[in-house]
Amino acid sequence: MNTYDLIVLGGGPGGYHAAHLASKAGLNTLLIEKNKLGGVCLNEGCIPSKVLLNSAKHFTYAKHGQAFGITTTDVSYHHQSVVERKNKVVKTLVSGVSHTLKSAKVTVITGEGKLSGKEQNIFKISVGENEYHSRKLIIATGSSTIIPSIEGVKEALEKHTMVTSKEILDLVEVPQNLTVIGGGVIGLEMATYFAQVGSKVRVIEMMPSIGGQLDKDISKTLKNILEKQGIEFYLNAKVTKINEHSIVYLKDNQETILDHDIVLLSVGRKANTDTTNLSALNIQINKNGTIVTDETLKTNVANVYAIGDVNGKYMLAHTAYREAEVAVNNILGIKDHINYDVIPSIIYTSPEVFGIGFTEVSAKEKGFDVIVITLPVSYSGRHLAETDESDGFVKLIINKKKNTLIGAHMISLYASEIAIFLTAMMHLEIDIEEIKKIIYPHPTVGELIKDALFHI
């Protein structure tokens, strides 16, 4: 019998974590994944991009070692070797996920799962010619790159003069000229990588700033730093046509042509809801194609949950992990919910960027009476010891009424690691006076948080 307590559609971060937790809790669990375990994040996103960025960082340190008393005579970069290491890292981690699921006794099958209806409170899911049944269902089918209706995009993708965030990770050579369409997280990380390893990089962005919903001061500082690294930005610019080796954009009603070798298309992602046959269960969909869920990850259909990119709340792997925990807990009868006000967001440029909660602007727009503290990274002894980059800062948004953090933003060395304990402070709503009492190890860049609070 192909009947299970729970079927999970999608083996990305949210899906495999949910399947693992459910099976460990005693549920007979089936995970259906059409491609590779680990999803986009592990195979063609979060992890592989960090391998590339780390290698570029080492290359940059080596080239500029003289500033730190190190003289190098022959520094060269071997992109293909980096790609090979990336593939090795991904293979190792995918194997780890597979082993974890096997140890938890999760049944895993490869194929595209489609909903085929419901009968007597039992969901029916087909994979090819086989049909599987379950009492509970978690949809975790992820997202895919948005392909805009711009003239020449289809032809450029077919000729491989344009790539998405997937294909760019496997380029054989570093392009001489790279044009990035989109100044969001993926676009900025890939722009950073290729600029550091030798490409002339241009970023075209429709909005007046980079980084999406970043704090305006962080966004401005990041742009200035990346420009020093050689990246050119064209803001308030709309791409109108892609030719084989040139791109046309419109800015201030004037068309401009830029030459390129490769174009990276990075204008956002869309939920994968078009091939799952959600209509078989009348699952409610938002206008943007994402599945409607509440804070417990329930859909409008009883016993059906949707987690990760497919619900469009926050298209981040760590959000999917937490959503998986919430969904499984509720399936098990344990009350739980997710707090979307404390989702950290990180951009792994050089330096790194971190943001969580309200920005200064959004907090004031919501009517909060706030204290805003900004402290330069030059206050950190460790930061000065390890880098000559001094344009970064930490920015804290404090709710005067509750005396708690409601926003934290940082552009700095190790920002991604410092993000962990700032997120904890906000999640636990720790009083500012208690945060001041924490003994911070010295010297660390994290001490900037305490130093900032003593500047109130």
Protein backbone atom coordinates (compact mmCIF):
# COMPACT_ATOMS: atom_id res chain seq x y z
CA MET A 1 0.00 0.00 0.00
CA ASN A 2 1.27 3.48 -0.96
CA THR A 3 -0.43 5.14 2.01
CA TYR A 4 1.43 7.48 4.34
CA ASP A 5 0.71 9.70 7.32
CA LEU A 6 2.42 12.60 5.54
CA ILE A 7 3.57 13.33 2.02
CA VAL A 8 5.99 16.21 1.42
CA LEU A 9 6.16 17.60 -2.11
CA GLY A 10 9.63 19.05 -2.65
CA GLY A 11 13.03 18.17 -1.21
CA GLY A 12 14.53 21.63 -0.71
CA PRO A 13 15.50 23.01 2.73
CA GLY A 14 11.93 23.24 3.97
CA GLY A 15 10.81 19.96 2.46
CA TYR A 16 13.65 17.73 3.61
CA HIS A 17 13.67 19.31 7.07
CA ALA A 18 9.92 18.76 7.43
CA ALA A 19 10.18 15.14 6.27
CA HIS A 20 13.05 14.48 8.68
CA LEU A 21 11.23 15.99 11.66
CA ALA A 22 7.95 14.24 10.88
CA SER A 23 9.54 10.83 10.46
CA LYS A 24 11.55 11.21 13.67
CA ALA A 25 8.28 12.02 15.44
CA GLY A 26 6.79 8.72 14.27
CA LEU A 27 4.90 9.71 11.12
CA ASN A 28 5.20 7.39 8.14
CA THR A 29 6.57 9.98 5.71
CA LEU A 30 7.10 10.12 1.96
CA LEU A 31 9.23 12.84 0.33
CA ILE A 32 8.80 13.45 -3.40
CA GLU A 33 11.50 15.46 -5.20
CA LYS A 34 11.59 15.88 -8.98
CA ASN A 35 15.28 16.87 -9.25
CA LYS A 36 17.90 16.72 -6.50
CA LEU A 37 17.60 16.70 -2.74
CA GLY A 38 18.59 20.05 -1.31
CA GLY A 39 16.62 22.06 -3.84
CA VAL A 40 17.80 25.33 -5.33
CA CYS A 41 19.57 26.48 -2.15
CA LEU A 42 21.94 23.55 -1.88
CA ASN A 43 22.43 22.72 -5.57
CA GLU A 44 22.35 26.05 -7.36
CA GLY A 45 21.98 28.87 -4.85
CA CYS A 46 23.04 29.51 -1.26
CA ILE A 47 25.84 27.00 -0.90
CA PRO A 48 27.54 26.94 -4.33
CA SER A 49 27.55 30.73 -4.54
CA LYS A 50 29.28 30.92 -1.15
CA VAL A 51 32.01 28.57 -2.35
CA LEU A 52 32.72 30.93 -5.25
CA LEU A 53 32.57 34.04 -3.08
CA ASN A 54 34.95 32.54 -0.53
CA SER A 55 37.52 31.73 -3.23
CA ALA A 56 37.23 35.26 -4.61
CA LYS A 57 37.79 36.63 -1.12
CA HIS A 58 41.00 34.62 -0.74
CA PHE A 59 42.14 35.82 -4.18
CA THR A 60 41.48 39.44 -3.22
CA TYR A 61 43.39 39.03 0.06
CA ALA A 62 46.33 37.54 -1.82
CA LYS A 63 46.43 40.35 -4.39
CA HIS A 64 46.39 43.03 -1.71
CA GLY A 65 48.55 41.23 0.84
CA GLN A 66 51.17 43.98 0.80
CA ALA A 67 48.94 46.15 2.97
CA PHE A 68 49.19 43.46 5.65
CA GLY A 69 52.92 42.84 5.31
CA ILE A 70 52.68 39.99 2.80
CA THR A 71 54.43 40.18 -0.56
CA THR A 72 53.24 37.92 -3.37
CA THR A 73 54.85 37.72 -6.78
CA ASP A 74 52.54 35.46 -8.77
CA VAL A 75 48.84 35.42 -7.89
CA SER A 76 46.50 33.85 -10.41
CA TYR A 77 42.91 32.68 -10.27
CA HIS A 78 41.72 29.34 -11.65
CA HIS A 79 37.97 29.62 -12.04
CA GLN A 80 37.50 26.07 -13.30
CA SER A 81 39.21 24.68 -10.20
CA VAL A 82 36.86 26.71 -8.03
CA VAL A 83 33.84 25.37 -9.92
CA GLU A 84 35.15 21.83 -9.42
CA ARG A 85 35.49 22.44 -5.69
CA LYS A 86 31.98 23.90 -5.65
CA ASN A 87 30.63 20.72 -7.23
CA LYS A 88 32.48 18.60 -4.67
CA VAL A 89 31.05 20.60 -1.76
CA VAL A 90 27.52 20.36 -3.16
CA LYS A 91 27.85 16.61 -3.73
CA THR A 92 29.03 16.11 -0.16
CA LEU A 93 26.15 18.09 1.32
CA VAL A 94 23.51 16.45 -0.89
CA SER A 95 24.84 13.07 0.22
CA GLY A 96 24.54 14.27 3.81
CA VAL A 97 20.88 15.18 3.33
CA SER A 98 20.21 11.81 1.73
CA HIS A 99 21.90 10.00 4.60
CA THR A 100 19.96 12.01 7.19
CA LEU A 101 16.63 11.17 5.57
CA LYS A 102 17.57 7.51 5.24
CA SER A 103 18.57 7.37 8.91
CA ALA A 104 15.20 8.89 9.86
CA LYS A 105 13.46 6.25 7.70
CA VAL A 106 11.92 8.76 5.30
CA THR A 107 10.83 7.18 2.03
CA VAL A 108 12.24 9.27 -0.84
CA ILE A 109 11.19 8.97 -4.47
CA THR A 110 12.34 10.97 -7.49
CA GLY A 111 9.66 12.37 -9.76
CA GLU A 112 7.19 15.21 -10.17
CA GLY A 113 4.32 14.94 -7.74
CA LYS A 114 0.91 16.15 -8.85
CA LEU A 115 -2.21 16.45 -6.75
CA SER A 116 -4.98 14.26 -8.15
CA GLY A 117 -7.74 14.84 -5.62
CA LYS A 118 -9.08 13.87 -2.22
CA GLU A 119 -11.31 11.00 -1.15
CA GLN A 120 -12.62 10.41 2.37
CA ASN A 121 -10.00 12.78 3.85
CA ILE A 122 -7.19 11.00 2.03
CA PHE A 123 -5.07 13.03 -0.40
CA LYS A 124 -4.05 11.43 -3.68
CA ILE A 125 -0.75 12.36 -5.31
CA SER A 126 0.43 10.91 -8.59
CA VAL A 127 4.04 10.51 -9.69
CA GLY A 128 4.07 9.27 -13.24
CA GLU A 129 1.84 6.18 -13.34
CA ASN A 130 2.01 5.60 -9.59
CA GLU A 131 -0.40 7.01 -7.03
CA TYR A 132 0.33 7.70 -3.37
CA HIS A 133 -2.07 8.48 -0.54
CA SER A 134 -1.68 10.49 2.66
CA ARG A 135 -3.67 11.97 5.50
CA LYS A 136 -1.54 15.12 5.69
CA LEU A 137 0.25 17.09 3.00
CA ILE A 138 3.07 19.65 2.97
CA ILE A 139 3.70 21.51 -0.27
CA ALA A 140 7.32 22.70 -0.54
CA THR A 141 7.84 22.95 -4.29
CA GLY A 142 10.07 26.04 -4.15
CA SER A 143 10.54 28.71 -6.78
CA SER A 144 12.21 29.36 -10.11
CA THR A 145 13.77 32.29 -11.94
CA ILE A 146 11.39 34.87 -13.37
CA ILE A 147 11.86 35.20 -17.14
CA PRO A 148 10.54 38.67 -18.10
CA SER A 149 8.94 39.40 -21.45
CA ILE A 150 11.84 41.48 -22.77
CA GLU A 151 12.65 41.38 -26.47
CA GLY A 152 15.50 38.97 -27.15
CA VAL A 153 15.50 37.20 -23.77
CA LYS A 154 14.34 33.85 -25.10
CA GLU A 155 16.90 33.87 -27.93
CA ALA A 156 19.71 34.96 -25.60
CA LEU A 157 18.94 32.12 -23.18
CA GLU A 158 18.93 29.62 -26.04
CA LYS A 159 22.28 30.90 -27.33
CA HIS A 160 23.71 30.97 -23.78
CA THR A 161 24.70 34.64 -24.04
CA MET A 162 22.26 35.10 -21.15
CA VAL A 163 22.23 32.88 -18.06
CA THR A 164 20.21 32.61 -14.87
CA SER A 165 21.55 32.20 -11.35
CA LYS A 166 21.76 28.45 -12.02
CA GLU A 167 23.93 28.43 -15.16
CA ILE A 168 26.27 31.22 -14.04
CA LEU A 169 27.63 28.96 -11.31
CA ASP A 170 28.94 26.58 -13.95
CA LEU A 171 30.53 29.00 -16.42
CA VAL A 172 33.75 27.50 -17.79
CA GLU A 173 35.54 30.84 -17.97
CA VAL A 174 35.30 34.22 -16.28
CA PRO A 175 33.65 36.59 -18.79
CA GLN A 176 35.49 39.74 -19.72
CA ASN A 177 32.27 41.78 -19.60
CA LEU A 178 29.32 40.75 -17.43
CA THR A 179 26.05 42.64 -17.31
CA VAL A 180 23.71 41.84 -14.43
CA ILE A 181 20.01 42.61 -14.79
CA GLY A 182 18.74 43.10 -11.26
CA GLY A 183 20.36 44.63 -8.20
CA GLY A 184 18.89 42.27 -5.61
CA VAL A 185 20.65 39.70 -3.43
CA ILE A 186 21.62 37.23 -6.16
CA GLY A 187 22.62 39.92 -8.63
CA LEU A 188 24.84 41.70 -6.10
CA GLU A 189 26.55 38.54 -4.89
CA MET A 190 27.38 37.39 -8.41
CA ALA A 191 28.45 40.92 -9.39
CA THR A 192 30.82 40.90 -6.40
CA TYR A 193 32.28 37.53 -7.28
CA PHE A 194 32.98 38.22 -10.95
CA ALA A 195 34.29 41.74 -10.29
CA GLN A 196 36.77 40.31 -7.77
CA VAL A 197 38.05 37.66 -10.18
CA GLY A 198 38.51 39.91 -13.20
CA SER A 199 35.26 40.72 -15.01
CA LYS A 200 34.13 44.21 -15.89
CA VAL A 201 30.71 44.19 -14.22
CA ARG A 202 27.69 46.39 -14.80
CA VAL A 203 24.44 46.16 -12.84
CA ILE A 204 21.19 47.46 -14.30
CA GLU A 205 18.40 48.00 -11.76
CA MET A 206 14.89 49.42 -12.28
CA MET A 207 14.67 50.82 -8.76
CA PRO A 208 16.48 53.94 -7.49
CA SER A 209 18.57 51.87 -5.04
CA ILE A 210 20.14 48.41 -4.75
CA GLY A 211 19.42 45.57 -2.35
CA GLY A 212 15.64 45.58 -2.45
CA GLN A 213 14.22 46.47 0.99
CA LEU A 214 17.60 47.30 2.55
CA ASP A 215 17.85 50.21 4.95
CA LYS A 216 18.50 53.25 2.75
CA ASP A 217 21.81 54.13 4.44
CA ILE A 218 23.05 50.54 4.17
CA SER A 219 22.07 50.44 0.50
CA LYS A 220 23.86 53.69 -0.26
CA THR A 221 27.02 52.61 1.56
CA LEU A 222 27.05 49.20 -0.13
CA LYS A 223 26.74 50.81 -3.55
CA ASN A 224 29.66 53.14 -2.80
CA ILE A 225 31.86 50.26 -1.62
CA LEU A 226 31.02 48.06 -4.63
CA GLU A 227 31.74 50.96 -6.97
CA LYS A 228 35.21 51.18 -5.43
CA GLN A 229 35.58 47.51 -6.35
CA GLY A 230 34.91 48.39 -9.98
CA ILE A 231 31.22 47.57 -10.33
CA GLU A 232 29.19 50.08 -12.35
CA PHE A 233 25.54 50.72 -11.48
CA TYR A 234 22.74 51.96 -13.72
CA LEU A 235 19.75 52.73 -11.49
CA ASN A 236 16.22 53.75 -12.49
CA ALA A 237 17.00 51.91 -15.71
CA LYS A 238 14.72 49.51 -17.60
CA VAL A 239 16.10 46.90 -19.99
CA THR A 240 14.13 46.97 -23.25
CA LYS A 241 16.06 44.65 -25.57
CA ILE A 242 18.72 41.94 -25.48
CA ASN A 243 20.95 41.42 -28.51
CA GLU A 244 23.59 38.71 -28.88
CA HIS A 245 26.41 40.85 -27.50
CA SER A 246 24.69 44.06 -26.42
CA ILE A 247 21.88 45.17 -24.16
CA VAL A 248 19.56 48.17 -24.54
CA TYR A 249 18.19 49.98 -21.51
CA LEU A 250 15.96 53.02 -21.04
CA LYS A 251 16.78 55.72 -18.50
CA ASP A 252 15.26 59.22 -18.39
CA ASN A 253 13.53 58.47 -21.72
CA GLN A 254 16.89 57.88 -23.37
CA GLU A 255 18.07 54.56 -24.77
CA THR A 256 21.64 53.40 -24.15
CA ILE A 257 23.47 50.35 -25.50
CA LEU A 258 26.01 48.36 -23.45
CA ASP A 259 28.25 45.64 -24.86
CA HIS A 260 28.62 42.35 -23.02
CA ASP A 261 29.92 38.81 -23.22
CA ILE A 262 27.38 37.33 -20.82
CA VAL A 263 24.19 38.65 -19.22
CA LEU A 264 23.01 37.40 -15.83
CA LEU A 265 19.22 37.55 -15.54
CA SER A 266 18.38 38.10 -11.89
CA VAL A 267 15.08 39.95 -11.57
CA GLY A 268 13.44 37.76 -8.95
CA ARG A 269 11.82 34.39 -8.45
CA LYS A 270 8.31 32.98 -8.78
CA ALA A 271 6.60 30.23 -6.81
CA ASN A 272 6.44 26.79 -8.44
CA THR A 273 2.68 26.32 -8.35
CA ASP A 274 1.90 25.86 -12.02
CA THR A 275 2.75 22.15 -12.34
CA THR A 276 1.44 20.78 -9.03
CA ASN A 277 -2.27 20.83 -10.04
CA LEU A 278 -3.35 22.76 -6.94
CA SER A 279 -6.80 23.17 -8.46
CA ALA A 280 -7.47 19.50 -7.70
CA LEU A 281 -7.86 20.53 -4.05
CA ASN A 282 -9.03 24.11 -4.68
CA ILE A 283 -6.02 25.46 -2.81
CA GLN A 284 -6.16 29.25 -2.61
CA ILE A 285 -3.53 31.16 -4.59
CA ASN A 286 -2.48 34.82 -4.31
CA LYS A 287 -2.46 37.06 -7.38
CA ASN A 288 1.31 36.67 -7.63
CA GLY A 289 1.01 32.89 -7.86
CA THR A 290 2.02 32.04 -4.29
CA ILE A 291 0.00 29.79 -1.98
CA VAL A 292 -2.02 31.55 0.73
CA THR A 293 -0.96 30.45 4.23
CA ASP A 294 -1.44 31.68 7.78
CA GLU A 295 1.15 31.95 10.57
CA THR A 296 0.83 28.21 11.22
CA LEU A 297 1.52 27.51 7.52
CA LYS A 298 -1.97 26.11 6.97
CA THR A 299 -3.63 26.63 3.59
CA ASN A 300 -7.37 27.03 3.10
CA VAL A 301 -7.63 23.23 2.81
CA ALA A 302 -7.62 21.28 6.06
CA ASN A 303 -4.46 19.23 6.67
CA VAL A 304 -2.59 20.89 3.79
CA TYR A 305 0.39 23.12 4.58
CA ALA A 306 2.68 25.16 2.31
CA ILE A 307 6.23 26.10 3.30
CA GLY A 308 9.25 27.80 1.75
CA ASP A 309 9.35 29.84 -1.43
CA VAL A 310 6.03 28.47 -2.65
CA ASN A 311 4.12 30.61 -0.14
CA GLY A 312 6.14 33.70 -1.04
CA LYS A 313 6.44 35.06 2.50
CA TYR A 314 10.24 35.22 2.58
CA MET A 315 12.14 33.34 -0.12
CA LEU A 316 14.99 32.38 2.18
CA ALA A 317 16.21 28.92 3.18
CA HIS A 318 16.25 29.71 6.89
CA THR A 319 12.63 30.86 6.70
CA ALA A 320 11.74 27.54 5.09
CA TYR A 321 13.49 25.65 7.91
CA ARG A 322 11.44 27.42 10.56
CA GLU A 323 8.24 27.07 8.54
CA ALA A 324 8.92 23.33 8.32
CA GLU A 325 9.16 23.12 12.10
CA VAL A 326 5.93 25.09 12.56
CA ALA A 327 4.02 22.99 10.03
CA VAL A 328 5.18 19.66 11.47
CA ASN A 329 4.47 20.79 15.03
CA ASN A 330 0.91 21.72 14.10
CA ILE A 331 0.47 18.41 12.29
CA LEU A 332 1.56 16.69 15.51
CA GLY A 333 -0.93 18.74 17.54
CA ILE A 334 1.72 21.02 19.03
CA LYS A 335 0.70 24.66 18.84
CA ASP A 336 3.32 26.73 17.05
CA HIS A 337 3.53 29.73 14.73
CA ILE A 338 6.17 31.69 12.85
CA ASN A 339 7.02 35.32 13.57
CA TYR A 340 7.74 36.95 10.22
CA ASP A 341 8.83 40.17 11.96
CA VAL A 342 12.16 38.60 12.94
CA ILE A 343 13.41 37.05 9.69
CA PRO A 344 17.08 37.95 9.11
CA SER A 345 18.29 38.74 5.61
CA ILE A 346 21.92 38.66 4.49
CA ILE A 347 23.80 39.62 1.33
CA TYR A 348 27.22 37.95 1.09
CA THR A 349 29.03 40.74 -0.69
CA SER A 350 32.36 42.10 0.53
CA PRO A 351 31.66 43.43 3.10
CA GLU A 352 28.60 41.45 4.15
CA VAL A 353 25.22 43.07 4.74
CA PHE A 354 22.66 42.10 7.36
CA GLY A 355 19.18 43.37 8.09
CA ILE A 356 16.27 42.34 10.28
CA GLY A 357 13.00 43.94 11.33
CA PHE A 358 12.10 47.55 10.71
CA THR A 359 14.32 50.04 8.94
CA GLU A 360 14.47 53.59 10.23
CA VAL A 361 12.01 54.68 7.55
CA SER A 362 9.54 51.80 7.91
CA ALA A 363 9.51 52.07 11.72
CA LYS A 364 8.57 55.74 11.57
CA GLU A 365 5.99 55.05 8.87
CA LYS A 366 4.37 52.51 11.24
CA GLY A 367 4.19 55.18 13.93
CA PHE A 368 6.83 53.84 16.32
CA ASP A 369 8.61 56.32 18.58
CA VAL A 370 12.16 55.15 18.03
CA ILE A 371 15.76 55.76 19.01
CA VAL A 372 18.13 55.25 16.08
CA ILE A 373 21.79 54.51 16.86
CA THR A 374 24.48 54.36 14.20
CA LEU A 375 28.06 53.41 14.98
CA PRO A 376 30.93 53.12 12.45
CA VAL A 377 32.94 49.90 12.22
CA SER A 378 36.03 51.95 13.05
CA TYR A 379 34.99 51.53 16.71
CA SER A 380 35.93 47.84 16.42
CA GLY A 381 39.55 47.02 17.11
CA ARG A 382 39.28 43.64 15.44
CA HIS A 383 37.69 45.11 12.34
CA LEU A 384 40.55 47.58 11.94
CA ALA A 385 43.08 44.82 12.58
CA GLU A 386 41.71 42.61 9.80
CA THR A 387 40.62 44.97 7.04
CA ASP A 388 41.23 48.44 5.67
CA GLU A 389 37.55 48.80 4.73
CA SER A 390 36.16 51.41 7.14
CA ASP A 391 32.92 52.54 5.47
CA GLY A 392 30.70 50.05 7.30
CA PHE A 393 28.49 50.60 10.32
CA VAL A 394 25.83 49.09 12.56
CA LYS A 395 22.41 50.70 12.85
CA LEU A 396 19.99 49.79 15.64
CA ILE A 397 16.31 50.74 15.80
CA ILE A 398 14.92 50.80 19.35
CA ASN A 399 11.27 51.01 20.32
CA LYS A 400 11.23 53.67 23.05
CA LYS A 401 8.00 52.40 24.58
CA LYS A 402 9.16 48.81 25.13
CA ASN A 403 12.91 49.55 25.20
CA THR A 404 13.55 46.66 22.81
CA LEU A 405 15.15 46.25 19.40
CA ILE A 406 12.70 46.30 16.50
CA GLY A 407 15.33 46.60 13.77
CA ALA A 408 19.04 45.94 13.29
CA HIS A 409 21.15 46.56 10.19
CA MET A 410 24.84 46.13 9.55
CA ILE A 411 27.43 46.36 6.79
CA SER A 412 30.67 44.91 8.04
CA LEU A 413 33.14 42.08 8.23
CA TYR A 414 31.39 39.04 9.83
CA ALA A 415 27.96 40.69 9.65
CA SER A 416 26.38 37.34 8.80
CA GLU A 417 27.66 35.76 12.02
CA ILE A 418 26.76 38.71 14.23
CA ALA A 419 23.25 38.45 12.74
CA ILE A 420 22.62 35.32 14.77
CA PHE A 421 22.66 36.94 18.17
CA LEU A 422 20.90 40.12 17.02
CA THR A 423 18.12 37.89 15.70
CA ALA A 424 17.94 36.14 19.07
CA MET A 425 17.71 39.49 20.88
CA MET A 426 14.77 40.51 18.73
CA HIS A 427 13.06 37.13 18.84
CA LEU A 428 13.23 37.06 22.65
CA GLU A 429 12.40 40.80 22.93
CA ILE A 430 15.24 41.32 25.39
CA ASP A 431 15.23 44.66 27.18
CA ILE A 432 18.06 46.97 26.06
CA GLU A 433 19.36 47.27 29.61
CA GLU A 434 19.73 43.49 29.78
CA ILE A 435 21.54 43.44 26.43
CA LYS A 436 24.03 45.94 27.86
CA LYS A 437 24.83 43.51 30.69
CA ILE A 438 25.95 40.77 28.32
CA ILE A 439 29.71 40.19 28.50
CA TYR A 440 30.98 40.40 24.94
CA PRO A 441 34.22 38.60 24.11
CA HIS A 442 37.06 40.94 23.15
CA PRO A 443 38.23 41.63 20.56
CA THR A 444 35.25 40.87 18.31
CA VAL A 445 33.37 42.84 15.70
CA GLY A 446 30.22 41.92 17.63
CA GLU A 447 31.28 44.33 20.37
CA LEU A 448 29.96 47.05 18.10
CA ILE A 449 26.47 46.17 19.34
CA LYS A 450 27.36 46.90 22.97
CA ASP A 451 29.35 49.99 22.02
CA ALA A 452 26.38 51.28 20.03
CA LEU A 453 23.97 50.78 22.93
CA PHE A 454 26.25 52.76 25.24
CA HIS A 455 26.06 55.65 22.77
CA ILE A 456 22.38 56.26 23.46
